[in-house]
């Protein structure tokens, strides 16, 4: 596993993250949620409709009195409708919207709620919740001496850490710069230890100072 390489830190405290050797797209694709709920609902509705149609067809073929009476009432009601009637247009729009929604669900991939983690086995896929990773990285930032508060945000291209230095910390550009580097190194080391693939760099920012 590669180690975190530190680059010159600017006002935002930017650190380059380690280069990942795992196919991130394959891992993310494996962790994407499937469409099982939508598929189950569609299969259930289709089964009910087809079973009802089959039962009605068999009842009409054997000329069951109840089926004939129901069909006669349905035919009389449907025969009085035209394509321009609001009921027909509304039903058509509902069916079109439902079909379009199913097509979109089938084409557009779902967004994974897990952050992929590197493993030694290329066939193994492990993920960590975003909330859990934020808590872990926040704990790593809070463990740095001179930090009284921290907040972590996971972006698509970077991990942003906003820290609040303690009132007894060293003020000034040099003191703040050292604090940024220590926080960035701590968070980067924790990312490397976890093998989390959630950005290409760690950005550390200061916000205020405790006690002011």
N, C-alpha and C. Protein backbone atom coordinates (compact mmCIF):
# COMPACT_ATOMS: atom_id res chain seq x y z
N UNK A 1 0.85 -1.19 0.00
CA UNK A 1 0.00 0.00 0.00
C UNK A 1 0.88 1.24 0.00
N UNK A 2 0.56 2.20 -0.83
CA UNK A 2 1.35 3.41 -0.90
C UNK A 2 1.10 4.27 0.33
N UNK A 3 2.04 5.16 0.61
CA UNK A 3 1.92 6.04 1.76
C UNK A 3 1.55 7.43 1.31
N UNK A 4 1.08 8.23 2.23
CA UNK A 4 0.68 9.60 1.93
C UNK A 4 1.91 10.45 1.70
N UNK A 5 1.95 11.17 0.61
CA UNK A 5 3.05 12.05 0.29
C UNK A 5 2.62 13.48 0.52
N UNK A 6 3.39 14.20 1.30
CA UNK A 6 3.04 15.56 1.64
C UNK A 6 3.58 16.52 0.59
N UNK A 7 2.77 17.48 0.18
CA UNK A 7 3.17 18.50 -0.76
C UNK A 7 3.14 19.85 -0.06
N UNK A 8 3.73 20.91 -0.66
CA UNK A 8 3.67 22.22 -0.01
C UNK A 8 2.24 22.61 0.30
N UNK A 9 2.01 23.07 1.51
CA UNK A 9 0.67 23.38 1.98
C UNK A 9 0.41 24.86 1.80
N UNK A 10 -0.71 25.18 1.13
CA UNK A 10 -1.10 26.56 0.94
C UNK A 10 -2.04 27.00 2.04
N UNK A 11 -2.80 28.09 1.81
CA UNK A 11 -3.72 28.58 2.84
C UNK A 11 -4.79 27.57 3.22
N UNK A 12 -5.15 26.71 2.26
CA UNK A 12 -6.20 25.72 2.54
C UNK A 12 -5.64 24.42 3.11
N UNK A 13 -4.32 24.27 3.12
CA UNK A 13 -3.73 23.05 3.67
C UNK A 13 -4.05 21.85 2.83
N UNK A 14 -3.57 21.79 1.58
CA UNK A 14 -3.91 20.73 0.65
C UNK A 14 -2.83 19.66 0.71
N UNK A 15 -3.23 18.42 0.85
CA UNK A 15 -2.32 17.29 0.84
C UNK A 15 -2.76 16.32 -0.23
N UNK A 16 -1.80 15.82 -0.99
CA UNK A 16 -2.12 14.84 -2.01
C UNK A 16 -2.44 13.50 -1.34
N UNK A 17 -3.48 12.85 -1.80
CA UNK A 17 -3.85 11.54 -1.26
C UNK A 17 -3.10 10.45 -2.01
N UNK A 18 -3.01 9.25 -1.47
CA UNK A 18 -2.28 8.18 -2.13
C UNK A 18 -2.96 7.75 -3.41
N UNK A 19 -2.15 7.29 -4.35
CA UNK A 19 -2.68 6.80 -5.62
C UNK A 19 -3.23 5.40 -5.41
N UNK A 20 -4.47 5.16 -5.82
CA UNK A 20 -5.10 3.87 -5.61
C UNK A 20 -4.78 2.93 -6.77
N UNK A 21 -4.46 1.70 -6.42
CA UNK A 21 -4.12 0.72 -7.43
C UNK A 21 -5.30 -0.20 -7.75
N UNK A 22 -6.43 0.00 -7.09
CA UNK A 22 -7.60 -0.84 -7.30
C UNK A 22 -8.52 -0.17 -8.32
N UNK A 23 -9.21 -0.98 -9.09
CA UNK A 23 -10.16 -0.46 -10.06
C UNK A 23 -11.35 0.13 -9.31
N UNK A 24 -11.35 1.44 -9.14
CA UNK A 24 -12.40 2.08 -8.33
C UNK A 24 -13.76 1.93 -9.00
N UNK A 25 -13.82 2.02 -10.32
CA UNK A 25 -15.12 1.93 -10.99
C UNK A 25 -15.76 0.56 -10.77
N UNK A 26 -14.95 -0.48 -10.81
CA UNK A 26 -15.51 -1.82 -10.61
C UNK A 26 -16.04 -1.97 -9.19
N UNK A 27 -15.30 -1.46 -8.21
CA UNK A 27 -15.73 -1.58 -6.83
C UNK A 27 -17.00 -0.78 -6.59
N UNK A 28 -17.04 0.46 -7.09
CA UNK A 28 -18.23 1.30 -6.90
C UNK A 28 -19.44 0.67 -7.58
N UNK A 29 -19.22 0.10 -8.76
CA UNK A 29 -20.34 -0.55 -9.47
C UNK A 29 -20.85 -1.74 -8.68
N UNK A 30 -19.97 -2.46 -8.01
CA UNK A 30 -20.41 -3.61 -7.21
C UNK A 30 -21.20 -3.18 -5.98
N UNK A 31 -20.90 -1.99 -5.45
CA UNK A 31 -21.58 -1.52 -4.24
C UNK A 31 -22.86 -0.75 -4.53
N UNK A 32 -23.16 -0.51 -5.78
CA UNK A 32 -24.38 0.22 -6.10
C UNK A 32 -25.61 -0.60 -5.71
N UNK A 33 -26.64 0.06 -5.21
CA UNK A 33 -27.86 -0.69 -4.83
C UNK A 33 -28.57 -1.23 -6.06
N UNK A 34 -29.15 -2.41 -5.90
CA UNK A 34 -29.90 -2.99 -7.01
C UNK A 34 -31.31 -2.44 -7.03
N UNK A 35 -32.08 -2.87 -8.01
CA UNK A 35 -33.45 -2.39 -8.17
C UNK A 35 -34.45 -3.44 -7.73
N UNK A 36 -34.13 -4.18 -6.70
CA UNK A 36 -35.01 -5.25 -6.23
C UNK A 36 -36.40 -4.76 -5.81
N UNK A 37 -36.52 -3.65 -5.04
CA UNK A 37 -37.88 -3.21 -4.66
C UNK A 37 -38.75 -2.89 -5.86
N UNK A 38 -38.22 -2.13 -6.82
CA UNK A 38 -39.01 -1.80 -8.01
C UNK A 38 -39.33 -3.04 -8.81
N UNK A 39 -38.37 -3.96 -8.92
CA UNK A 39 -38.63 -5.20 -9.65
C UNK A 39 -39.67 -6.06 -8.98
N UNK A 40 -39.62 -6.11 -7.64
CA UNK A 40 -40.60 -6.92 -6.92
C UNK A 40 -42.01 -6.36 -7.08
N UNK A 41 -42.15 -5.02 -6.98
CA UNK A 41 -43.47 -4.41 -7.14
C UNK A 41 -44.00 -4.63 -8.56
N UNK A 42 -43.12 -4.45 -9.56
CA UNK A 42 -43.55 -4.66 -10.94
C UNK A 42 -43.96 -6.10 -11.19
N UNK A 43 -43.17 -7.04 -10.67
CA UNK A 43 -43.52 -8.45 -10.85
C UNK A 43 -44.83 -8.79 -10.15
N UNK A 44 -45.06 -8.24 -8.96
CA UNK A 44 -46.29 -8.52 -8.23
C UNK A 44 -47.51 -7.97 -8.98
N UNK A 45 -47.42 -6.72 -9.44
CA UNK A 45 -48.55 -6.13 -10.17
C UNK A 45 -48.80 -6.88 -11.47
N UNK A 46 -47.74 -7.24 -12.18
CA UNK A 46 -47.91 -7.98 -13.43
C UNK A 46 -48.54 -9.34 -13.19
N UNK A 47 -48.12 -10.02 -12.12
CA UNK A 47 -48.68 -11.34 -11.80
C UNK A 47 -50.17 -11.25 -11.48
N UNK A 48 -50.54 -10.23 -10.67
CA UNK A 48 -51.95 -10.07 -10.31
C UNK A 48 -52.80 -9.78 -11.55
N UNK A 49 -52.32 -8.87 -12.39
CA UNK A 49 -53.08 -8.52 -13.59
C UNK A 49 -53.20 -9.70 -14.53
N UNK A 50 -52.12 -10.41 -14.76
CA UNK A 50 -52.16 -11.55 -15.68
C UNK A 50 -53.02 -12.69 -15.13
N UNK A 51 -52.93 -12.93 -13.82
CA UNK A 51 -53.77 -13.98 -13.23
C UNK A 51 -55.25 -13.62 -13.33
N UNK A 52 -55.58 -12.36 -13.08
CA UNK A 52 -56.97 -11.93 -13.20
C UNK A 52 -57.46 -12.04 -14.64
N UNK A 53 -56.60 -11.66 -15.60
CA UNK A 53 -56.99 -11.76 -17.01
C UNK A 53 -57.18 -13.22 -17.42
N UNK A 54 -56.27 -14.09 -16.94
CA UNK A 54 -56.40 -15.51 -17.28
C UNK A 54 -57.66 -16.11 -16.66
N UNK A 55 -57.94 -15.75 -15.41
CA UNK A 55 -59.15 -16.27 -14.76
C UNK A 55 -60.40 -15.77 -15.45
N UNK A 56 -60.41 -14.51 -15.82
CA UNK A 56 -61.57 -13.98 -16.53
C UNK A 56 -61.76 -14.62 -17.88
N UNK A 57 -60.66 -14.87 -18.60
CA UNK A 57 -60.76 -15.52 -19.91
C UNK A 57 -61.31 -16.93 -19.79
N UNK A 58 -60.84 -17.69 -18.82
CA UNK A 58 -61.34 -19.06 -18.62
C UNK A 58 -62.82 -19.04 -18.24
N UNK A 59 -63.19 -18.08 -17.38
CA UNK A 59 -64.60 -18.00 -16.98
C UNK A 59 -65.50 -17.65 -18.15
N UNK A 60 -65.04 -16.80 -19.04
CA UNK A 60 -65.84 -16.47 -20.22
C UNK A 60 -65.94 -17.65 -21.18
N UNK A 61 -64.84 -18.43 -21.28
CA UNK A 61 -64.86 -19.57 -22.19
C UNK A 61 -65.85 -20.64 -21.72
N UNK A 62 -65.95 -20.80 -20.41
CA UNK A 62 -66.90 -21.80 -19.89
C UNK A 62 -68.27 -21.19 -19.68
N UNK A 63 -68.42 -19.90 -20.03
CA UNK A 63 -69.70 -19.19 -19.97
C UNK A 63 -70.28 -19.20 -18.55
N UNK A 64 -69.43 -18.84 -17.59
CA UNK A 64 -69.91 -18.72 -16.20
C UNK A 64 -70.82 -17.51 -16.10
N UNK A 65 -71.99 -17.62 -15.45
CA UNK A 65 -72.94 -16.50 -15.37
C UNK A 65 -72.33 -15.24 -14.75
N UNK A 66 -71.57 -15.40 -13.67
CA UNK A 66 -70.98 -14.23 -13.02
C UNK A 66 -69.98 -13.53 -13.94
N UNK A 67 -69.20 -14.33 -14.67
CA UNK A 67 -68.22 -13.73 -15.57
C UNK A 67 -68.90 -13.03 -16.73
N UNK A 68 -69.99 -13.63 -17.26
CA UNK A 68 -70.70 -13.00 -18.36
C UNK A 68 -71.34 -11.68 -17.91
N UNK A 69 -71.90 -11.65 -16.70
CA UNK A 69 -72.52 -10.42 -16.21
C UNK A 69 -71.47 -9.34 -15.98
N UNK A 70 -70.32 -9.73 -15.43
CA UNK A 70 -69.25 -8.74 -15.21
C UNK A 70 -68.72 -8.21 -16.52
N UNK A 71 -68.55 -9.10 -17.50
CA UNK A 71 -68.03 -8.66 -18.79
C UNK A 71 -69.03 -7.75 -19.49
N UNK A 72 -70.32 -8.06 -19.37
CA UNK A 72 -71.33 -7.23 -20.00
C UNK A 72 -71.34 -5.83 -19.40
N UNK A 73 -71.21 -5.73 -18.06
CA UNK A 73 -71.16 -4.42 -17.43
C UNK A 73 -69.91 -3.66 -17.81
N UNK A 74 -68.77 -4.35 -17.88
CA UNK A 74 -67.52 -3.68 -18.25
C UNK A 74 -67.57 -3.21 -19.70
N UNK A 75 -68.11 -4.04 -20.58
CA UNK A 75 -68.19 -3.67 -21.99
C UNK A 75 -69.13 -2.48 -22.17
N UNK A 76 -70.21 -2.46 -21.42
CA UNK A 76 -71.14 -1.33 -21.54
C UNK A 76 -70.48 -0.03 -21.06
N UNK A 77 -69.74 -0.11 -19.97
CA UNK A 77 -69.07 1.10 -19.48
C UNK A 77 -67.96 1.56 -20.39
N UNK A 78 -67.14 0.61 -20.88
CA UNK A 78 -66.04 0.98 -21.76
C UNK A 78 -66.54 1.44 -23.12
N UNK A 79 -67.67 0.90 -23.55
CA UNK A 79 -68.18 1.30 -24.85
C UNK A 79 -68.66 2.73 -24.88
N UNK A 80 -69.00 3.28 -23.72
CA UNK A 80 -69.46 4.66 -23.69
C UNK A 80 -68.34 5.68 -23.60
N UNK A 81 -67.09 5.24 -23.56
CA UNK A 81 -65.95 6.14 -23.46
C UNK A 81 -65.33 6.36 -24.83
N UNK A 82 -64.69 7.49 -24.99
CA UNK A 82 -63.95 7.80 -26.22
C UNK A 82 -62.52 8.15 -25.83
N UNK A 83 -61.63 8.23 -26.85
CA UNK A 83 -60.22 8.51 -26.58
C UNK A 83 -60.01 9.91 -26.01
N UNK A 84 -60.97 10.79 -26.22
CA UNK A 84 -60.80 12.16 -25.73
C UNK A 84 -61.38 12.37 -24.33
N UNK A 85 -61.95 11.33 -23.74
CA UNK A 85 -62.52 11.47 -22.40
C UNK A 85 -61.40 11.67 -21.36
N UNK A 86 -61.63 12.50 -20.34
CA UNK A 86 -60.58 12.72 -19.33
C UNK A 86 -60.14 11.46 -18.62
N UNK A 87 -61.06 10.51 -18.43
CA UNK A 87 -60.69 9.27 -17.74
C UNK A 87 -59.69 8.48 -18.56
N UNK A 88 -59.91 8.39 -19.85
CA UNK A 88 -59.00 7.65 -20.73
C UNK A 88 -57.65 8.36 -20.80
N UNK A 89 -57.66 9.68 -20.96
CA UNK A 89 -56.41 10.43 -21.03
C UNK A 89 -55.63 10.32 -19.72
N UNK A 90 -56.35 10.43 -18.58
CA UNK A 90 -55.67 10.31 -17.30
C UNK A 90 -55.04 8.94 -17.09
N UNK A 91 -55.79 7.89 -17.45
CA UNK A 91 -55.24 6.54 -17.31
C UNK A 91 -54.03 6.34 -18.21
N UNK A 92 -54.10 6.89 -19.42
CA UNK A 92 -52.97 6.77 -20.33
C UNK A 92 -51.74 7.49 -19.81
N UNK A 93 -51.95 8.69 -19.25
CA UNK A 93 -50.81 9.43 -18.71
C UNK A 93 -50.18 8.71 -17.52
N UNK A 94 -51.04 8.10 -16.69
CA UNK A 94 -50.50 7.35 -15.54
C UNK A 94 -49.66 6.17 -16.01
N UNK A 95 -50.16 5.46 -17.02
CA UNK A 95 -49.40 4.32 -17.53
C UNK A 95 -48.09 4.75 -18.17
N UNK A 96 -48.12 5.87 -18.91
CA UNK A 96 -46.89 6.37 -19.53
C UNK A 96 -45.88 6.80 -18.47
N UNK A 97 -46.36 7.48 -17.43
CA UNK A 97 -45.46 7.90 -16.36
C UNK A 97 -44.86 6.70 -15.63
N UNK A 98 -45.68 5.69 -15.37
CA UNK A 98 -45.17 4.50 -14.69
C UNK A 98 -44.14 3.77 -15.54
N UNK A 99 -44.42 3.64 -16.83
CA UNK A 99 -43.46 2.98 -17.72
C UNK A 99 -42.17 3.76 -17.84
N UNK A 100 -42.27 5.10 -17.95
CA UNK A 100 -41.06 5.92 -18.05
C UNK A 100 -40.23 5.82 -16.77
N UNK A 101 -40.89 5.79 -15.62
CA UNK A 101 -40.16 5.65 -14.36
C UNK A 101 -39.41 4.34 -14.29
N UNK A 102 -40.03 3.27 -14.75
CA UNK A 102 -39.36 1.98 -14.74
C UNK A 102 -38.16 1.96 -15.68
N UNK A 103 -38.29 2.62 -16.83
CA UNK A 103 -37.17 2.69 -17.77
C UNK A 103 -36.01 3.48 -17.17
N UNK A 104 -36.34 4.60 -16.51
CA UNK A 104 -35.29 5.40 -15.88
C UNK A 104 -34.59 4.61 -14.78
N UNK A 105 -35.36 3.89 -13.96
CA UNK A 105 -34.76 3.07 -12.91
C UNK A 105 -33.85 2.00 -13.47
N UNK A 106 -34.22 1.46 -14.64
CA UNK A 106 -33.41 0.41 -15.23
C UNK A 106 -32.14 0.95 -15.88
N UNK A 107 -32.19 2.19 -16.40
CA UNK A 107 -31.04 2.74 -17.14
C UNK A 107 -30.09 3.47 -16.21
N UNK A 108 -30.61 4.33 -15.35
CA UNK A 108 -29.76 5.16 -14.49
C UNK A 108 -29.27 4.33 -13.31
N UNK A 109 -27.96 4.25 -13.09
CA UNK A 109 -27.45 3.46 -11.96
C UNK A 109 -27.75 4.12 -10.63
N UNK A 110 -27.96 3.32 -9.62
CA UNK A 110 -28.20 3.86 -8.29
C UNK A 110 -26.92 4.39 -7.67
N UNK A 111 -27.06 5.30 -6.73
CA UNK A 111 -25.91 5.89 -6.05
C UNK A 111 -25.61 5.09 -4.79
N UNK A 112 -24.38 4.63 -4.72
CA UNK A 112 -24.00 3.83 -3.56
C UNK A 112 -23.92 4.69 -2.31
N UNK A 113 -24.33 4.14 -1.19
CA UNK A 113 -24.25 4.82 0.09
C UNK A 113 -23.03 4.39 0.89
N UNK A 114 -22.19 3.58 0.29
CA UNK A 114 -20.99 3.09 0.94
C UNK A 114 -19.74 3.61 0.25
N UNK A 115 -18.71 3.80 1.02
CA UNK A 115 -17.40 4.20 0.49
C UNK A 115 -16.58 2.93 0.31
N UNK A 116 -16.10 2.64 -0.89
CA UNK A 116 -15.33 1.40 -1.10
C UNK A 116 -14.00 1.45 -0.37
N UNK A 117 -13.59 0.29 0.14
CA UNK A 117 -12.31 0.14 0.84
C UNK A 117 -11.43 -0.83 0.07
N UNK A 118 -10.13 -0.56 0.06
CA UNK A 118 -9.19 -1.45 -0.59
C UNK A 118 -9.03 -2.74 0.21
N UNK A 119 -8.87 -3.83 -0.51
CA UNK A 119 -8.62 -5.12 0.12
C UNK A 119 -7.47 -5.80 -0.61
N UNK A 120 -6.88 -6.78 0.05
CA UNK A 120 -5.80 -7.53 -0.58
C UNK A 120 -6.30 -8.50 -1.63
N UNK A 121 -7.57 -8.86 -1.55
CA UNK A 121 -8.16 -9.80 -2.49
C UNK A 121 -8.91 -9.01 -3.56
N UNK A 122 -8.52 -9.11 -4.84
CA UNK A 122 -9.22 -8.36 -5.88
C UNK A 122 -10.66 -8.80 -6.09
N UNK A 123 -11.02 -9.98 -5.59
CA UNK A 123 -12.39 -10.47 -5.73
C UNK A 123 -13.28 -10.05 -4.57
N UNK A 124 -12.70 -9.49 -3.52
CA UNK A 124 -13.48 -9.07 -2.35
C UNK A 124 -13.82 -7.59 -2.46
N UNK A 125 -15.05 -7.25 -2.13
CA UNK A 125 -15.53 -5.87 -2.17
C UNK A 125 -16.06 -5.51 -0.78
N UNK A 126 -15.49 -4.48 -0.18
CA UNK A 126 -15.88 -4.05 1.17
C UNK A 126 -16.21 -2.56 1.12
N UNK A 127 -17.26 -2.17 1.81
CA UNK A 127 -17.66 -0.77 1.86
C UNK A 127 -17.88 -0.32 3.29
N UNK A 128 -17.78 0.99 3.49
CA UNK A 128 -18.00 1.61 4.80
C UNK A 128 -18.99 2.74 4.63
N UNK A 129 -19.90 2.89 5.57
CA UNK A 129 -20.89 3.95 5.46
C UNK A 129 -20.20 5.31 5.48
N UNK A 130 -20.78 6.27 4.78
CA UNK A 130 -20.20 7.60 4.73
C UNK A 130 -20.20 8.26 6.11
N UNK A 131 -21.28 8.03 6.87
CA UNK A 131 -21.34 8.60 8.21
C UNK A 131 -20.25 8.01 9.10
N UNK A 132 -20.03 6.71 9.00
CA UNK A 132 -18.99 6.07 9.79
C UNK A 132 -17.60 6.57 9.42
N UNK A 133 -17.36 6.77 8.13
CA UNK A 133 -16.06 7.29 7.71
C UNK A 133 -15.86 8.72 8.17
N UNK A 134 -16.92 9.53 8.11
CA UNK A 134 -16.79 10.91 8.60
C UNK A 134 -16.46 10.93 10.09
N UNK A 135 -17.12 10.07 10.86
CA UNK A 135 -16.82 10.02 12.30
C UNK A 135 -15.39 9.58 12.56
N UNK A 136 -14.92 8.60 11.79
CA UNK A 136 -13.56 8.11 11.98
C UNK A 136 -12.54 9.19 11.66
N UNK A 137 -12.73 9.89 10.55
CA UNK A 137 -11.79 10.95 10.18
C UNK A 137 -11.89 12.13 11.15
N UNK A 138 -13.07 12.41 11.65
CA UNK A 138 -13.22 13.49 12.62
C UNK A 138 -12.47 13.15 13.91
N UNK A 139 -12.55 11.89 14.34
CA UNK A 139 -11.81 11.48 15.53
C UNK A 139 -10.31 11.61 15.32
N UNK A 140 -9.86 11.30 14.10
CA UNK A 140 -8.43 11.44 13.80
C UNK A 140 -8.00 12.89 13.87
N UNK A 141 -8.85 13.80 13.38
CA UNK A 141 -8.50 15.22 13.43
C UNK A 141 -8.53 15.74 14.87
N UNK A 142 -9.50 15.29 15.65
CA UNK A 142 -9.61 15.75 17.04
C UNK A 142 -8.46 15.22 17.90
N UNK A 143 -7.85 14.12 17.47
CA UNK A 143 -6.74 13.57 18.24
C UNK A 143 -5.46 14.40 18.10
N UNK A 144 -5.42 15.32 17.15
CA UNK A 144 -4.25 16.17 16.96
C UNK A 144 -4.23 17.24 18.06
N UNK A 145 -3.11 17.44 18.65
CA UNK A 145 -2.98 18.43 19.72
C UNK A 145 -3.21 19.83 19.16
N UNK A 146 -4.05 20.60 19.84
CA UNK A 146 -4.34 21.96 19.41
C UNK A 146 -5.65 22.10 18.67
N UNK A 147 -6.37 21.00 18.43
CA UNK A 147 -7.65 21.02 17.73
C UNK A 147 -8.77 20.84 18.75
N UNK A 148 -9.70 21.77 18.78
CA UNK A 148 -10.82 21.69 19.71
C UNK A 148 -12.12 21.28 19.02
N UNK A 149 -12.19 21.37 17.72
CA UNK A 149 -13.39 20.97 16.99
C UNK A 149 -13.03 20.63 15.56
N UNK A 150 -13.81 19.77 14.94
CA UNK A 150 -13.54 19.36 13.56
C UNK A 150 -14.83 18.93 12.89
N UNK A 151 -14.87 19.14 11.60
CA UNK A 151 -16.00 18.71 10.78
C UNK A 151 -15.45 18.18 9.47
N UNK A 152 -15.97 17.06 9.00
CA UNK A 152 -15.47 16.39 7.80
C UNK A 152 -16.56 16.33 6.75
N UNK A 153 -16.19 16.63 5.54
CA UNK A 153 -17.11 16.51 4.41
C UNK A 153 -16.44 15.68 3.32
N UNK A 154 -17.15 14.67 2.82
CA UNK A 154 -16.62 13.79 1.80
C UNK A 154 -17.09 14.27 0.44
N UNK A 155 -16.18 14.80 -0.35
CA UNK A 155 -16.50 15.24 -1.69
C UNK A 155 -16.16 14.18 -2.71
N UNK A 156 -16.50 14.45 -3.95
CA UNK A 156 -16.21 13.50 -5.02
C UNK A 156 -14.72 13.44 -5.33
N UNK A 157 -14.04 14.59 -5.23
CA UNK A 157 -12.62 14.65 -5.59
C UNK A 157 -11.71 14.91 -4.40
N UNK A 158 -12.25 15.25 -3.26
CA UNK A 158 -11.41 15.54 -2.11
C UNK A 158 -12.17 15.32 -0.82
N UNK A 159 -11.41 15.23 0.27
CA UNK A 159 -11.96 15.14 1.62
C UNK A 159 -11.65 16.46 2.32
N UNK A 160 -12.68 17.18 2.72
CA UNK A 160 -12.50 18.48 3.36
C UNK A 160 -12.64 18.33 4.87
N UNK A 161 -11.66 18.86 5.59
CA UNK A 161 -11.66 18.84 7.04
C UNK A 161 -11.59 20.28 7.53
N UNK A 162 -12.61 20.71 8.23
CA UNK A 162 -12.65 22.05 8.82
C UNK A 162 -12.39 21.91 10.31
N UNK A 163 -11.31 22.53 10.78
CA UNK A 163 -10.92 22.39 12.18
C UNK A 163 -11.01 23.74 12.88
N UNK A 164 -11.30 23.66 14.18
CA UNK A 164 -11.31 24.85 15.05
C UNK A 164 -10.15 24.69 16.02
N UNK A 165 -9.12 25.55 15.94
CA UNK A 165 -7.99 25.41 16.86
C UNK A 165 -8.38 25.82 18.27
N UNK A 166 -7.70 25.26 19.24
CA UNK A 166 -7.97 25.57 20.63
C UNK A 166 -7.50 26.96 21.00
N UNK A 167 -8.03 27.47 22.12
CA UNK A 167 -7.67 28.82 22.55
C UNK A 167 -6.22 28.90 22.97
N UNK A 168 -5.64 27.78 23.42
CA UNK A 168 -4.26 27.79 23.87
C UNK A 168 -3.28 27.41 22.78
N UNK A 169 -3.77 27.29 21.54
CA UNK A 169 -2.89 26.93 20.44
C UNK A 169 -2.01 28.09 20.02
N UNK A 170 -1.02 27.81 19.21
CA UNK A 170 -0.09 28.83 18.72
C UNK A 170 -0.75 29.57 17.58
N UNK A 171 -0.95 30.87 17.76
CA UNK A 171 -1.58 31.67 16.74
C UNK A 171 -0.54 32.12 15.72
N UNK A 172 -1.03 32.66 14.62
CA UNK A 172 -0.15 33.14 13.59
C UNK A 172 -0.08 32.20 12.41
N UNK A 173 0.53 32.69 11.31
CA UNK A 173 0.58 31.90 10.09
C UNK A 173 1.41 30.64 10.28
N UNK A 174 2.54 30.75 10.99
CA UNK A 174 3.39 29.56 11.19
C UNK A 174 2.69 28.52 12.04
N UNK A 175 2.06 28.95 13.15
CA UNK A 175 1.36 28.01 14.01
C UNK A 175 0.19 27.36 13.30
N UNK A 176 -0.60 28.15 12.58
CA UNK A 176 -1.74 27.60 11.85
C UNK A 176 -1.27 26.66 10.75
N UNK A 177 -0.16 27.00 10.08
CA UNK A 177 0.35 26.12 9.04
C UNK A 177 0.80 24.78 9.57
N UNK A 178 1.47 24.78 10.72
CA UNK A 178 1.88 23.51 11.33
C UNK A 178 0.65 22.69 11.75
N UNK A 179 -0.36 23.38 12.28
CA UNK A 179 -1.57 22.66 12.66
C UNK A 179 -2.25 22.05 11.45
N UNK A 180 -2.30 22.78 10.35
CA UNK A 180 -2.89 22.24 9.13
C UNK A 180 -2.16 21.00 8.66
N UNK A 181 -0.83 21.05 8.71
CA UNK A 181 -0.05 19.90 8.26
C UNK A 181 -0.26 18.69 9.15
N UNK A 182 -0.32 18.91 10.46
CA UNK A 182 -0.52 17.79 11.37
C UNK A 182 -1.90 17.16 11.17
N UNK A 183 -2.92 18.00 11.04
CA UNK A 183 -4.27 17.47 10.82
C UNK A 183 -4.35 16.74 9.48
N UNK A 184 -3.78 17.33 8.45
CA UNK A 184 -3.79 16.67 7.15
C UNK A 184 -3.07 15.34 7.16
N UNK A 185 -1.93 15.29 7.86
CA UNK A 185 -1.20 14.02 7.95
C UNK A 185 -1.98 12.98 8.74
N UNK A 186 -2.62 13.40 9.84
CA UNK A 186 -3.40 12.45 10.65
C UNK A 186 -4.57 11.89 9.87
N UNK A 187 -5.30 12.77 9.19
CA UNK A 187 -6.45 12.31 8.40
C UNK A 187 -5.99 11.46 7.23
N UNK A 188 -4.91 11.87 6.57
CA UNK A 188 -4.40 11.07 5.45
C UNK A 188 -3.92 9.70 5.89
N UNK A 189 -3.26 9.63 7.05
CA UNK A 189 -2.82 8.32 7.55
C UNK A 189 -4.02 7.43 7.86
N UNK A 190 -5.07 8.02 8.41
CA UNK A 190 -6.26 7.21 8.70
C UNK A 190 -6.91 6.72 7.40
N UNK A 191 -6.94 7.54 6.37
CA UNK A 191 -7.48 7.10 5.09
C UNK A 191 -6.66 5.97 4.50
N UNK A 192 -5.34 6.08 4.62
CA UNK A 192 -4.47 5.03 4.10
C UNK A 192 -4.67 3.74 4.89
N UNK A 193 -4.79 3.86 6.22
CA UNK A 193 -4.99 2.67 7.03
C UNK A 193 -6.30 1.96 6.69
N UNK A 194 -7.33 2.73 6.42
CA UNK A 194 -8.62 2.14 6.06
C UNK A 194 -8.66 1.68 4.61
N UNK A 195 -7.84 2.31 3.76
CA UNK A 195 -7.91 2.02 2.34
C UNK A 195 -9.14 2.60 1.69
N UNK A 196 -9.64 3.72 2.22
CA UNK A 196 -10.87 4.33 1.70
C UNK A 196 -10.58 5.04 0.38
N UNK A 197 -11.41 4.78 -0.60
CA UNK A 197 -11.29 5.43 -1.91
C UNK A 197 -12.38 6.49 -2.03
N UNK A 198 -12.10 7.68 -1.55
CA UNK A 198 -13.14 8.71 -1.49
C UNK A 198 -12.58 10.09 -1.83
N UNK A 199 -11.60 10.18 -2.68
CA UNK A 199 -11.07 11.48 -3.07
C UNK A 199 -9.60 11.40 -3.39
N UNK A 200 -9.10 12.39 -4.10
CA UNK A 200 -7.71 12.41 -4.51
C UNK A 200 -6.83 13.28 -3.62
N UNK A 201 -7.42 14.05 -2.70
CA UNK A 201 -6.64 14.90 -1.84
C UNK A 201 -7.41 15.21 -0.56
N UNK A 202 -6.66 15.62 0.45
CA UNK A 202 -7.23 16.03 1.73
C UNK A 202 -7.04 17.53 1.86
N UNK A 203 -8.13 18.25 2.08
CA UNK A 203 -8.10 19.70 2.21
C UNK A 203 -8.46 20.05 3.65
N UNK A 204 -7.57 20.76 4.32
CA UNK A 204 -7.78 21.15 5.72
C UNK A 204 -7.93 22.66 5.78
N UNK A 205 -8.99 23.12 6.43
CA UNK A 205 -9.26 24.55 6.55
C UNK A 205 -9.44 24.90 8.03
N UNK A 206 -9.11 26.14 8.35
CA UNK A 206 -9.30 26.66 9.70
C UNK A 206 -10.59 27.47 9.76
N UNK A 207 -11.25 27.39 10.90
CA UNK A 207 -12.45 28.19 11.10
C UNK A 207 -12.44 28.73 12.52
N UNK A 208 -12.15 30.02 12.66
CA UNK A 208 -12.20 30.68 13.96
C UNK A 208 -11.18 30.10 14.92
N UNK A 209 -11.35 30.43 16.18
CA UNK A 209 -10.48 29.92 17.25
C UNK A 209 -11.30 29.84 18.52
N UNK A 210 -11.23 28.72 19.19
CA UNK A 210 -12.02 28.53 20.39
C UNK A 210 -11.65 29.59 21.43
N UNK A 211 -12.68 30.10 22.14
CA UNK A 211 -12.45 31.08 23.18
C UNK A 211 -12.56 32.51 22.70
N UNK A 212 -12.76 32.69 21.37
CA UNK A 212 -12.92 34.04 20.85
C UNK A 212 -14.40 34.42 20.73
